[in-house]
PDB file of all heavy atoms in Angstrom:
ATOM      1  N   VAL A   1      10.410  -1.578   5.597  1.00  0.00           N
ATOM      2  CA  VAL A   1       9.097  -1.488   6.208  1.00  0.00           C
ATOM      3  C   VAL A   1       8.233  -2.590   5.611  1.00  0.00           C
ATOM      4  O   VAL A   1       8.352  -2.908   4.422  1.00  0.00           O
ATOM      5  CB  VAL A   1       8.470  -0.095   6.001  1.00  0.00           C
ATOM      6  CG1 VAL A   1       8.258   0.221   4.531  1.00  0.00           C
ATOM      7  CG2 VAL A   1       7.164   0.035   6.775  1.00  0.00           C
ATOM      8  N   PHE A   2       7.391  -3.176   6.447  1.00  0.00           N
ATOM      9  CA  PHE A   2       6.570  -4.313   6.047  1.00  0.00           C
ATOM     10  C   PHE A   2       5.091  -3.980   6.194  1.00  0.00           C
ATOM     11  O   PHE A   2       4.706  -3.160   7.026  1.00  0.00           O
ATOM     12  CB  PHE A   2       6.888  -5.530   6.925  1.00  0.00           C
ATOM     13  CG  PHE A   2       8.339  -5.910   6.959  1.00  0.00           C
ATOM     14  CD1 PHE A   2       9.154  -5.470   7.985  1.00  0.00           C
ATOM     15  CD2 PHE A   2       8.875  -6.713   5.972  1.00  0.00           C
ATOM     16  CE1 PHE A   2      10.500  -5.817   8.033  1.00  0.00           C
ATOM     17  CE2 PHE A   2      10.216  -7.070   6.007  1.00  0.00           C
ATOM     18  CZ  PHE A   2      11.032  -6.616   7.033  1.00  0.00           C
ATOM     19  N   LEU A   3       4.272  -4.661   5.405  1.00  0.00           N
ATOM     20  CA  LEU A   3       2.837  -4.605   5.589  1.00  0.00           C
ATOM     21  C   LEU A   3       2.315  -6.027   5.493  1.00  0.00           C
ATOM     22  O   LEU A   3       2.325  -6.631   4.426  1.00  0.00           O
ATOM     23  CB  LEU A   3       2.157  -3.724   4.538  1.00  0.00           C
ATOM     24  CG  LEU A   3       0.661  -3.509   4.759  1.00  0.00           C
ATOM     25  CD1 LEU A   3       0.414  -2.676   6.035  1.00  0.00           C
ATOM     26  CD2 LEU A   3       0.019  -2.820   3.553  1.00  0.00           C
ATOM     27  N   GLN A   4       1.896  -6.549   6.634  1.00  0.00           N
ATOM     28  CA  GLN A   4       1.283  -7.872   6.670  1.00  0.00           C
ATOM     29  C   GLN A   4      -0.212  -7.699   6.501  1.00  0.00           C
ATOM     30  O   GLN A   4      -0.862  -6.998   7.285  1.00  0.00           O
ATOM     31  CB  GLN A   4       1.590  -8.549   8.000  1.00  0.00           C
ATOM     32  CG  GLN A   4       3.071  -8.825   8.224  1.00  0.00           C
ATOM     33  CD  GLN A   4       3.330  -9.355   9.625  1.00  0.00           C
ATOM     34  OE1 GLN A   4       3.416  -8.600  10.594  1.00  0.00           O
ATOM     35  NE2 GLN A   4       3.463 -10.660   9.742  1.00  0.00           N
ATOM     36  N   MET A   5      -0.769  -8.342   5.484  1.00  0.00           N
ATOM     37  CA  MET A   5      -2.179  -8.198   5.154  1.00  0.00           C
ATOM     38  C   MET A   5      -2.846  -9.563   5.294  1.00  0.00           C
ATOM     39  O   MET A   5      -2.426 -10.521   4.635  1.00  0.00           O
ATOM     40  CB  MET A   5      -2.341  -7.665   3.732  1.00  0.00           C
ATOM     41  CG  MET A   5      -1.589  -6.359   3.494  1.00  0.00           C
ATOM     42  SD  MET A   5      -1.899  -5.671   1.856  1.00  0.00           S
ATOM     43  CE  MET A   5      -1.089  -6.911   0.856  1.00  0.00           C
ATOM     44  N   SER A   6      -3.851  -9.633   6.128  1.00  0.00           N
ATOM     45  CA  SER A   6      -4.565 -10.888   6.312  1.00  0.00           C
ATOM     46  C   SER A   6      -6.047 -10.684   6.062  1.00  0.00           C
ATOM     47  O   SER A   6      -6.535  -9.551   6.019  1.00  0.00           O
ATOM     48  CB  SER A   6      -4.329 -11.438   7.718  1.00  0.00           C
ATOM     49  OG  SER A   6      -4.833 -10.538   8.693  1.00  0.00           O
ATOM     50  N   ASN A   7      -6.756 -11.799   5.894  1.00  0.00           N
ATOM     51  CA  ASN A   7      -8.199 -11.754   5.617  1.00  0.00           C
ATOM     52  C   ASN A   7      -8.514 -10.729   4.520  1.00  0.00           C
ATOM     53  O   ASN A   7      -9.388  -9.877   4.668  1.00  0.00           O
ATOM     54  CB  ASN A   7      -8.976 -11.421   6.890  1.00  0.00           C
ATOM     55  CG  ASN A   7     -10.469 -11.594   6.724  1.00  0.00           C
ATOM     56  OD1 ASN A   7     -10.921 -12.327   5.845  1.00  0.00           O
ATOM     57  ND2 ASN A   7     -11.233 -10.927   7.563  1.00  0.00           N
ATOM     58  N   LEU A   8      -7.787 -10.835   3.431  1.00  0.00           N
ATOM     59  CA  LEU A   8      -7.920  -9.865   2.349  1.00  0.00           C
ATOM     60  C   LEU A   8      -9.297  -9.908   1.711  1.00  0.00           C
ATOM     61  O   LEU A   8      -9.926 -10.971   1.599  1.00  0.00           O
ATOM     62  CB  LEU A   8      -6.828 -10.104   1.310  1.00  0.00           C
ATOM     63  CG  LEU A   8      -5.452  -9.559   1.726  1.00  0.00           C
ATOM     64  CD1 LEU A   8      -4.340 -10.224   0.928  1.00  0.00           C
ATOM     65  CD2 LEU A   8      -5.411  -8.047   1.551  1.00  0.00           C
ATOM     66  N   LYS A   9      -9.743  -8.727   1.286  1.00  0.00           N
ATOM     67  CA  LYS A   9     -11.054  -8.558   0.673  1.00  0.00           C
ATOM     68  C   LYS A   9     -10.878  -7.976  -0.729  1.00  0.00           C
ATOM     69  O   LYS A   9      -9.869  -7.308  -1.003  1.00  0.00           O
ATOM     70  CB  LYS A   9     -11.900  -7.607   1.528  1.00  0.00           C
ATOM     71  CG  LYS A   9     -12.068  -8.060   2.969  1.00  0.00           C
ATOM     72  CD  LYS A   9     -12.847  -7.034   3.772  1.00  0.00           C
ATOM     73  CE  LYS A   9     -13.016  -7.482   5.219  1.00  0.00           C
ATOM     74  NZ  LYS A   9     -13.786  -6.490   6.024  1.00  0.00           N
ATOM     75  N   PRO A  10     -11.858  -8.164  -1.595  1.00  0.00           N
ATOM     76  CA  PRO A  10     -11.743  -7.594  -2.946  1.00  0.00           C
ATOM     77  C   PRO A  10     -11.500  -6.080  -2.935  1.00  0.00           C
ATOM     78  O   PRO A  10     -10.783  -5.569  -3.809  1.00  0.00           O
ATOM     79  CB  PRO A  10     -13.091  -7.939  -3.577  1.00  0.00           C
ATOM     80  CG  PRO A  10     -13.491  -9.208  -2.887  1.00  0.00           C
ATOM     81  CD  PRO A  10     -13.025  -9.047  -1.466  1.00  0.00           C
ATOM     82  N   GLU A  11     -12.047  -5.387  -1.963  1.00  0.00           N
ATOM     83  CA  GLU A  11     -11.846  -3.935  -1.913  1.00  0.00           C
ATOM     84  C   GLU A  11     -10.429  -3.537  -1.511  1.00  0.00           C
ATOM     85  O   GLU A  11     -10.084  -2.355  -1.563  1.00  0.00           O
ATOM     86  CB  GLU A  11     -12.857  -3.287  -0.957  1.00  0.00           C
ATOM     87  CG  GLU A  11     -12.897  -3.874   0.430  1.00  0.00           C
ATOM     88  CD  GLU A  11     -14.030  -4.886   0.593  1.00  0.00           C
ATOM     89  OE1 GLU A  11     -14.260  -5.686  -0.346  1.00  0.00           O
ATOM     90  OE2 GLU A  11     -14.664  -4.872   1.671  1.00  0.00           O
ATOM     91  N   ASP A  12      -9.610  -4.489  -1.115  1.00  0.00           N
ATOM     92  CA  ASP A  12      -8.202  -4.209  -0.843  1.00  0.00           C
ATOM     93  C   ASP A  12      -7.363  -4.165  -2.124  1.00  0.00           C
ATOM     94  O   ASP A  12      -6.188  -3.807  -2.095  1.00  0.00           O
ATOM     95  CB  ASP A  12      -7.609  -5.277   0.084  1.00  0.00           C
ATOM     96  CG  ASP A  12      -8.250  -5.291   1.454  1.00  0.00           C
ATOM     97  OD1 ASP A  12      -8.550  -4.213   1.991  1.00  0.00           O
ATOM     98  OD2 ASP A  12      -8.465  -6.409   1.993  1.00  0.00           O
ATOM     99  N   THR A  13      -7.981  -4.537  -3.231  1.00  0.00           N
ATOM    100  CA  THR A  13      -7.281  -4.554  -4.512  1.00  0.00           C
ATOM    101  C   THR A  13      -6.765  -3.169  -4.884  1.00  0.00           C
ATOM    102  O   THR A  13      -7.465  -2.175  -4.701  1.00  0.00           O
ATOM    103  CB  THR A  13      -8.212  -5.081  -5.614  1.00  0.00           C
ATOM    104  OG1 THR A  13      -8.515  -6.454  -5.343  1.00  0.00           O
ATOM    105  CG2 THR A  13      -7.569  -4.960  -6.989  1.00  0.00           C
ATOM    106  N   GLY A  14      -5.546  -3.122  -5.418  1.00  0.00           N
ATOM    107  CA  GLY A  14      -4.979  -1.871  -5.870  1.00  0.00           C
ATOM    108  C   GLY A  14      -3.472  -1.930  -5.919  1.00  0.00           C
ATOM    109  O   GLY A  14      -2.871  -2.952  -5.552  1.00  0.00           O
ATOM    110  N   VAL A  15      -2.877  -0.856  -6.363  1.00  0.00           N
ATOM    111  CA  VAL A  15      -1.428  -0.728  -6.340  1.00  0.00           C
ATOM    112  C   VAL A  15      -1.039  -0.108  -5.004  1.00  0.00           C
ATOM    113  O   VAL A  15      -1.554   0.948  -4.626  1.00  0.00           O
ATOM    114  CB  VAL A  15      -0.914   0.141  -7.501  1.00  0.00           C
ATOM    115  CG1 VAL A  15       0.599   0.276  -7.431  1.00  0.00           C
ATOM    116  CG2 VAL A  15      -1.332  -0.460  -8.838  1.00  0.00           C
ATOM    117  N   TYR A  16      -0.142  -0.777  -4.318  1.00  0.00           N
ATOM    118  CA  TYR A  16       0.310  -0.321  -3.003  1.00  0.00           C
ATOM    119  C   TYR A  16       1.681   0.346  -3.149  1.00  0.00           C
ATOM    120  O   TYR A  16       2.606  -0.238  -3.734  1.00  0.00           O
ATOM    121  CB  TYR A  16       0.390  -1.496  -2.036  1.00  0.00           C
ATOM    122  CG  TYR A  16      -0.960  -1.923  -1.532  1.00  0.00           C
ATOM    123  CD1 TYR A  16      -1.876  -2.542  -2.384  1.00  0.00           C
ATOM    124  CD2 TYR A  16      -1.346  -1.690  -0.210  1.00  0.00           C
ATOM    125  CE1 TYR A  16      -3.133  -2.908  -1.930  1.00  0.00           C
ATOM    126  CE2 TYR A  16      -2.594  -2.063   0.248  1.00  0.00           C
ATOM    127  CZ  TYR A  16      -3.484  -2.673  -0.615  1.00  0.00           C
ATOM    128  OH  TYR A  16      -4.728  -3.038  -0.163  1.00  0.00           O
ATOM    129  N   TYR A  17       1.767   1.540  -2.605  1.00  0.00           N
ATOM    130  CA  TYR A  17       2.976   2.339  -2.711  1.00  0.00           C
ATOM    131  C   TYR A  17       3.594   2.554  -1.335  1.00  0.00           C
ATOM    132  O   TYR A  17       2.878   2.886  -0.374  1.00  0.00           O
ATOM    133  CB  TYR A  17       2.673   3.700  -3.318  1.00  0.00           C
ATOM    134  CG  TYR A  17       2.135   3.670  -4.723  1.00  0.00           C
ATOM    135  CD1 TYR A  17       0.774   3.641  -4.966  1.00  0.00           C
ATOM    136  CD2 TYR A  17       3.006   3.675  -5.817  1.00  0.00           C
ATOM    137  CE1 TYR A  17       0.273   3.620  -6.256  1.00  0.00           C
ATOM    138  CE2 TYR A  17       2.515   3.662  -7.108  1.00  0.00           C
ATOM    139  CZ  TYR A  17       1.145   3.628  -7.326  1.00  0.00           C
ATOM    140  OH  TYR A  17       0.664   3.608  -8.610  1.00  0.00           O
ATOM    141  N   CYS A  18       4.862   2.420  -1.280  1.00  0.00           N
ATOM    142  CA  CYS A  18       5.636   2.742  -0.087  1.00  0.00           C
ATOM    143  C   CYS A  18       5.984   4.232  -0.127  1.00  0.00           C
ATOM    144  O   CYS A  18       6.316   4.769  -1.187  1.00  0.00           O
ATOM    145  CB  CYS A  18       6.901   1.881  -0.097  1.00  0.00           C
ATOM    146  SG  CYS A  18       8.057   2.189   1.236  1.00  0.00           S
ATOM    147  N   ASN A  19       5.898   4.885   1.025  1.00  0.00           N
ATOM    148  CA  ASN A  19       6.189   6.315   1.103  1.00  0.00           C
ATOM    149  C   ASN A  19       7.138   6.599   2.263  1.00  0.00           C
ATOM    150  O   ASN A  19       6.949   6.057   3.358  1.00  0.00           O
ATOM    151  CB  ASN A  19       4.900   7.110   1.285  1.00  0.00           C
ATOM    152  CG  ASN A  19       5.152   8.598   1.396  1.00  0.00           C
ATOM    153  OD1 ASN A  19       5.187   9.158   2.487  1.00  0.00           O
ATOM    154  ND2 ASN A  19       5.323   9.250   0.257  1.00  0.00           N
ATOM    155  N   LEU A  20       8.096   7.456   2.022  1.00  0.00           N
ATOM    156  CA  LEU A  20       9.095   7.793   3.047  1.00  0.00           C
ATOM    157  C   LEU A  20       9.018   9.265   3.411  1.00  0.00           C
ATOM    158  O   LEU A  20       8.877  10.125   2.528  1.00  0.00           O
ATOM    159  CB  LEU A  20      10.493   7.462   2.521  1.00  0.00           C
ATOM    160  CG  LEU A  20      11.668   7.757   3.473  1.00  0.00           C
ATOM    161  CD1 LEU A  20      12.733   6.677   3.337  1.00  0.00           C
ATOM    162  CD2 LEU A  20      12.281   9.132   3.200  1.00  0.00           C
ATOM    163  N   GLY A  21       9.103   9.504   4.690  1.00  0.00           N
ATOM    164  CA  GLY A  21       9.246  10.876   5.148  1.00  0.00           C
ATOM    165  C   GLY A  21       7.964  11.570   5.543  1.00  0.00           C
ATOM    166  O   GLY A  21       8.000  12.750   5.916  1.00  0.00           O
ATOM    167  N   GLY A  22       6.844  10.878   5.429  1.00  0.00           N
ATOM    168  CA  GLY A  22       5.573  11.523   5.736  1.00  0.00           C
ATOM    169  C   GLY A  22       5.105  11.297   7.167  1.00  0.00           C
ATOM    170  O   GLY A  22       5.790  10.693   7.986  1.00  0.00           O
ATOM    171  N   THR A  23       3.913  11.771   7.409  1.00  0.00           N
ATOM    172  CA  THR A  23       3.252  11.580   8.689  1.00  0.00           C
ATOM    173  C   THR A  23       1.956  10.815   8.448  1.00  0.00           C
ATOM    174  O   THR A  23       1.635  10.462   7.313  1.00  0.00           O
ATOM    175  CB  THR A  23       2.933  12.934   9.339  1.00  0.00           C
ATOM    176  OG1 THR A  23       1.993  13.624   8.496  1.00  0.00           O
ATOM    177  CG2 THR A  23       4.174  13.789   9.490  1.00  0.00           C
ATOM    178  N   SER A  24       1.199  10.597   9.502  1.00  0.00           N
ATOM    179  CA  SER A  24      -0.061   9.873   9.344  1.00  0.00           C
ATOM    180  C   SER A  24      -1.114  10.718   8.622  1.00  0.00           C
ATOM    181  O   SER A  24      -2.145  10.196   8.206  1.00  0.00           O
ATOM    182  CB  SER A  24      -0.588   9.427  10.703  1.00  0.00           C
ATOM    183  OG  SER A  24      -0.786  10.544  11.546  1.00  0.00           O
ATOM    184  N   TRP A  25      -0.875  12.012   8.449  1.00  0.00           N
ATOM    185  CA  TRP A  25      -1.859  12.867   7.781  1.00  0.00           C
ATOM    186  C   TRP A  25      -1.339  13.479   6.493  1.00  0.00           C
ATOM    187  O   TRP A  25      -2.111  14.088   5.759  1.00  0.00           O
ATOM    188  CB  TRP A  25      -2.329  13.982   8.719  1.00  0.00           C
ATOM    189  CG  TRP A  25      -1.244  14.883   9.203  1.00  0.00           C
ATOM    190  CD1 TRP A  25      -0.792  16.028   8.617  1.00  0.00           C
ATOM    191  CD2 TRP A  25      -0.451  14.722  10.384  1.00  0.00           C
ATOM    192  NE1 TRP A  25       0.229  16.582   9.351  1.00  0.00           N
ATOM    193  CE2 TRP A  25       0.462  15.802  10.438  1.00  0.00           C
ATOM    194  CE3 TRP A  25      -0.408  13.770  11.400  1.00  0.00           C
ATOM    195  CZ2 TRP A  25       1.383  15.955  11.468  1.00  0.00           C
ATOM    196  CZ3 TRP A  25       0.508  13.913  12.419  1.00  0.00           C
ATOM    197  CH2 TRP A  25       1.392  14.996  12.453  1.00  0.00           C
ATOM    198  N   ALA A  26      -0.087  13.329   6.181  1.00  0.00           N
ATOM    199  CA  ALA A  26       0.477  13.907   4.959  1.00  0.00           C
ATOM    200  C   ALA A  26       1.621  13.031   4.465  1.00  0.00           C
ATOM    201  O   ALA A  26       2.523  12.698   5.230  1.00  0.00           O
ATOM    202  CB  ALA A  26       0.971  15.326   5.212  1.00  0.00           C
ATOM    203  N   ALA A  27       1.555  12.692   3.185  1.00  0.00           N
ATOM    204  CA  ALA A  27       2.603  11.854   2.611  1.00  0.00           C
ATOM    205  C   ALA A  27       3.908  12.625   2.487  1.00  0.00           C
ATOM    206  O   ALA A  27       3.923  13.846   2.354  1.00  0.00           O
ATOM    207  CB  ALA A  27       2.172  11.350   1.242  1.00  0.00           C
ATOM    208  N   GLY A  28       4.999  11.849   2.499  1.00  0.00           N
ATOM    209  CA  GLY A  28       6.308  12.428   2.298  1.00  0.00           C
ATOM    210  C   GLY A  28       6.639  12.585   0.821  1.00  0.00           C
ATOM    211  O   GLY A  28       5.834  12.266  -0.062  1.00  0.00           O
ATOM    212  N   ARG A  29       7.816  13.004   0.575  1.00  0.00           N
ATOM    213  CA  ARG A  29       8.237  13.345  -0.775  1.00  0.00           C
ATOM    214  C   ARG A  29       8.550  12.132  -1.647  1.00  0.00           C
ATOM    215  O   ARG A  29       8.399  12.167  -2.866  1.00  0.00           O
ATOM    216  CB  ARG A  29       9.480  14.237  -0.682  1.00  0.00           C
ATOM    217  CG  ARG A  29      10.125  14.611  -1.986  1.00  0.00           C
ATOM    218  CD  ARG A  29      11.349  15.478  -1.750  1.00  0.00           C
ATOM    219  NE  ARG A  29      12.041  15.805  -2.983  1.00  0.00           N
ATOM    220  CZ  ARG A  29      13.169  16.480  -3.039  1.00  0.00           C
ATOM    221  NH1 ARG A  29      13.747  16.914  -1.925  1.00  0.00           N
ATOM    222  NH2 ARG A  29      13.744  16.738  -4.193  1.00  0.00           N
ATOM    223  N   TYR A  30       8.961  11.031  -1.036  1.00  0.00           N
ATOM    224  CA  TYR A  30       9.518   9.924  -1.800  1.00  0.00           C
ATOM    225  C   TYR A  30       8.554   8.742  -1.869  1.00  0.00           C
ATOM    226  O   TYR A  30       7.969   8.338  -0.855  1.00  0.00           O
ATOM    227  CB  TYR A  30      10.840   9.479  -1.183  1.00  0.00           C
ATOM    228  CG  TYR A  30      11.880  10.571  -1.172  1.00  0.00           C
ATOM    229  CD1 TYR A  30      12.156  11.288  -0.014  1.00  0.00           C
ATOM    230  CD2 TYR A  30      12.559  10.909  -2.345  1.00  0.00           C
ATOM    231  CE1 TYR A  30      13.090  12.308  -0.005  1.00  0.00           C
ATOM    232  CE2 TYR A  30      13.504  11.923  -2.342  1.00  0.00           C
ATOM    233  CZ  TYR A  30      13.764  12.622  -1.167  1.00  0.00           C
ATOM    234  OH  TYR A  30      14.689  13.625  -1.170  1.00  0.00           O
ATOM    235  N   TRP A  31       8.452   8.183  -3.085  1.00  0.00           N
ATOM    236  CA  TRP A  31       7.548   7.068  -3.351  1.00  0.00           C
ATOM    237  C   TRP A  31       8.285   5.924  -4.023  1.00  0.00           C
ATOM    238  O   TRP A  31       9.205   6.148  -4.811  1.00  0.00           O
ATOM    239  CB  TRP A  31       6.422   7.506  -4.282  1.00  0.00           C
ATOM    240  CG  TRP A  31       5.519   8.544  -3.719  1.00  0.00           C
ATOM    241  CD1 TRP A  31       5.625   9.901  -3.864  1.00  0.00           C
ATOM    242  CD2 TRP A  31       4.350   8.314  -2.917  1.00  0.00           C
ATOM    243  NE1 TRP A  31       4.596  10.518  -3.198  1.00  0.00           N
ATOM    244  CE2 TRP A  31       3.805   9.586  -2.613  1.00  0.00           C
ATOM    245  CE3 TRP A  31       3.727   7.169  -2.429  1.00  0.00           C
ATOM    246  CZ2 TRP A  31       2.647   9.732  -1.844  1.00  0.00           C
ATOM    247  CZ3 TRP A  31       2.576   7.315  -1.669  1.00  0.00           C
ATOM    248  CH2 TRP A  31       2.051   8.584  -1.386  1.00  0.00           C
ATOM    249  N   GLY A  32       7.823   4.719  -3.740  1.00  0.00           N
ATOM    250  CA  GLY A  32       8.271   3.572  -4.506  1.00  0.00           C
ATOM    251  C   GLY A  32       7.495   3.469  -5.797  1.00  0.00           C
ATOM    252  O   GLY A  32       6.605   4.275  -6.079  1.00  0.00           O
ATOM    253  N   GLN A  33       7.817   2.432  -6.573  1.00  0.00           N
ATOM    254  CA  GLN A  33       7.180   2.264  -7.883  1.00  0.00           C
ATOM    255  C   GLN A  33       5.819   1.600  -7.786  1.00  0.00           C
ATOM    256  O   GLN A  33       5.049   1.626  -8.753  1.00  0.00           O
ATOM    257  CB  GLN A  33       8.101   1.442  -8.800  1.00  0.00           C
ATOM    258  CG  GLN A  33       8.023  -0.061  -8.614  1.00  0.00           C
ATOM    259  CD  GLN A  33       8.735  -0.557  -7.364  1.00  0.00           C
ATOM    260  OE1 GLN A  33       9.376   0.218  -6.644  1.00  0.00           O
ATOM    261  NE2 GLN A  33       8.622  -1.850  -7.091  1.00  0.00           N
ATOM    262  N   GLY A  34       5.519   1.016  -6.647  1.00  0.00           N
ATOM    263  CA  GLY A  34       4.231   0.372  -6.438  1.00  0.00           C
ATOM    264  C   GLY A  34       4.270  -1.117  -6.709  1.00  0.00           C
ATOM    265  O   GLY A  34       5.053  -1.594  -7.541  1.00  0.00           O
ATOM    266  N   THR A  35       3.411  -1.843  -6.009  1.00  0.00           N
ATOM    267  CA  THR A  35       3.263  -3.268  -6.231  1.00  0.00           C
ATOM    268  C   THR A  35       1.770  -3.601  -6.251  1.00  0.00           C
ATOM    269  O   THR A  35       1.008  -3.123  -5.421  1.00  0.00           O
ATOM    270  CB  THR A  35       4.011  -4.091  -5.158  1.00  0.00           C
ATOM    271  OG1 THR A  35       3.955  -5.483  -5.470  1.00  0.00           O
ATOM    272  CG2 THR A  35       3.451  -3.870  -3.760  1.00  0.00           C
ATOM    273  N   GLN A  36       1.365  -4.404  -7.233  1.00  0.00           N
ATOM    274  CA  GLN A  36      -0.056  -4.696  -7.441  1.00  0.00           C
ATOM    275  C   GLN A  36      -0.527  -5.775  -6.488  1.00  0.00           C
ATOM    276  O   GLN A  36       0.093  -6.845  -6.386  1.00  0.00           O
ATOM    277  CB  GLN A  36      -0.301  -5.134  -8.883  1.00  0.00           C
ATOM    278  CG  GLN A  36      -1.729  -5.548  -9.181  1.00  0.00           C
ATOM    279  CD  GLN A  36      -2.695  -4.369  -9.196  1.00  0.00           C
ATOM    280  OE1 GLN A  36      -2.396  -3.321  -9.760  1.00  0.00           O
ATOM    281  NE2 GLN A  36      -3.855  -4.543  -8.571  1.00  0.00           N
ATOM    282  N   VAL A  37      -1.642  -5.512  -5.838  1.00  0.00           N
ATOM    283  CA  VAL A  37      -2.335  -6.508  -5.022  1.00  0.00           C
ATOM    284  C   VAL A  37      -3.731  -6.685  -5.612  1.00  0.00           C
ATOM    285  O   VAL A  37      -4.470  -5.723  -5.775  1.00  0.00           O
ATOM    286  CB  VAL A  37      -2.431  -6.059  -3.551  1.00  0.00           C
ATOM    287  CG1 VAL A  37      -3.335  -7.002  -2.759  1.00  0.00           C
ATOM    288  CG2 VAL A  37      -1.045  -5.988  -2.923  1.00  0.00           C
ATOM    289  N   THR A  38      -4.050  -7.927  -5.953  1.00  0.00           N
ATOM    290  CA  THR A  38      -5.361  -8.239  -6.505  1.00  0.00           C
ATOM    291  C   THR A  38      -6.002  -9.328  -5.663  1.00  0.00           C
ATOM    292  O   THR A  38      -5.408 -10.395  -5.466  1.00  0.00           O
ATOM    293  CB  THR A  38      -5.256  -8.702  -7.960  1.00  0.00           C
ATOM    294  OG1 THR A  38      -4.614  -7.686  -8.738  1.00  0.00           O
ATOM    295  CG2 THR A  38      -6.636  -8.973  -8.541  1.00  0.00           C
ATOM    296  N   VAL A  39      -7.205  -9.036  -5.175  1.00  0.00           N
ATOM    297  CA  VAL A  39      -7.952  -9.992  -4.370  1.00  0.00           C
ATOM    298  C   VAL A  39      -9.212 -10.344  -5.143  1.00  0.00           C
ATOM    299  O   VAL A  39     -10.089  -9.508  -5.344  1.00  0.00           O
ATOM    300  CB  VAL A  39      -8.314  -9.425  -2.991  1.00  0.00           C
ATOM    301  CG1 VAL A  39      -8.991 -10.506  -2.134  1.00  0.00           C
ATOM    302  CG2 VAL A  39      -7.073  -8.885  -2.297  1.00  0.00           C
ATOM    303  N   SER A  40      -9.280 -11.567  -5.590  1.00  0.00           N
ATOM    304  CA  SER A  40     -10.389 -11.971  -6.447  1.00  0.00           C
ATOM    305  C   SER A  40     -10.655 -13.458  -6.298  1.00  0.00           C
ATOM    306  O   SER A  40      -9.730 -14.252  -6.138  1.00  0.00           O
ATOM    307  CB  SER A  40     -10.068 -11.653  -7.915  1.00  0.00           C
ATOM    308  OG  SER A  40     -11.095 -12.126  -8.767  1.00  0.00           O
ATOM    309  N   SER A  41     -11.935 -13.807  -6.388  1.00  0.00           N
ATOM    310  CA  SER A  41     -12.292 -15.214  -6.340  1.00  0.00           C
ATOM    311  C   SER A  41     -12.324 -15.803  -7.748  1.00  0.00           C
ATOM    312  O   SER A  41     -12.536 -16.998  -7.916  1.00  0.00           O
ATOM    313  CB  SER A  41     -13.652 -15.397  -5.662  1.00  0.00           C
ATOM    314  OG  SER A  41     -14.625 -14.608  -6.291  1.00  0.00           O
TER     315      SER A  41
END
């Protein structure tokens, strides 16, 4: 699964986690370890 992020803003900063098995309103059971995204000037 991919996430293309454009026109990034400082408020997009954070650790992004992949989740498997969930719905748009409830996360599934399985998580990745996370990847850091930092948007800063």
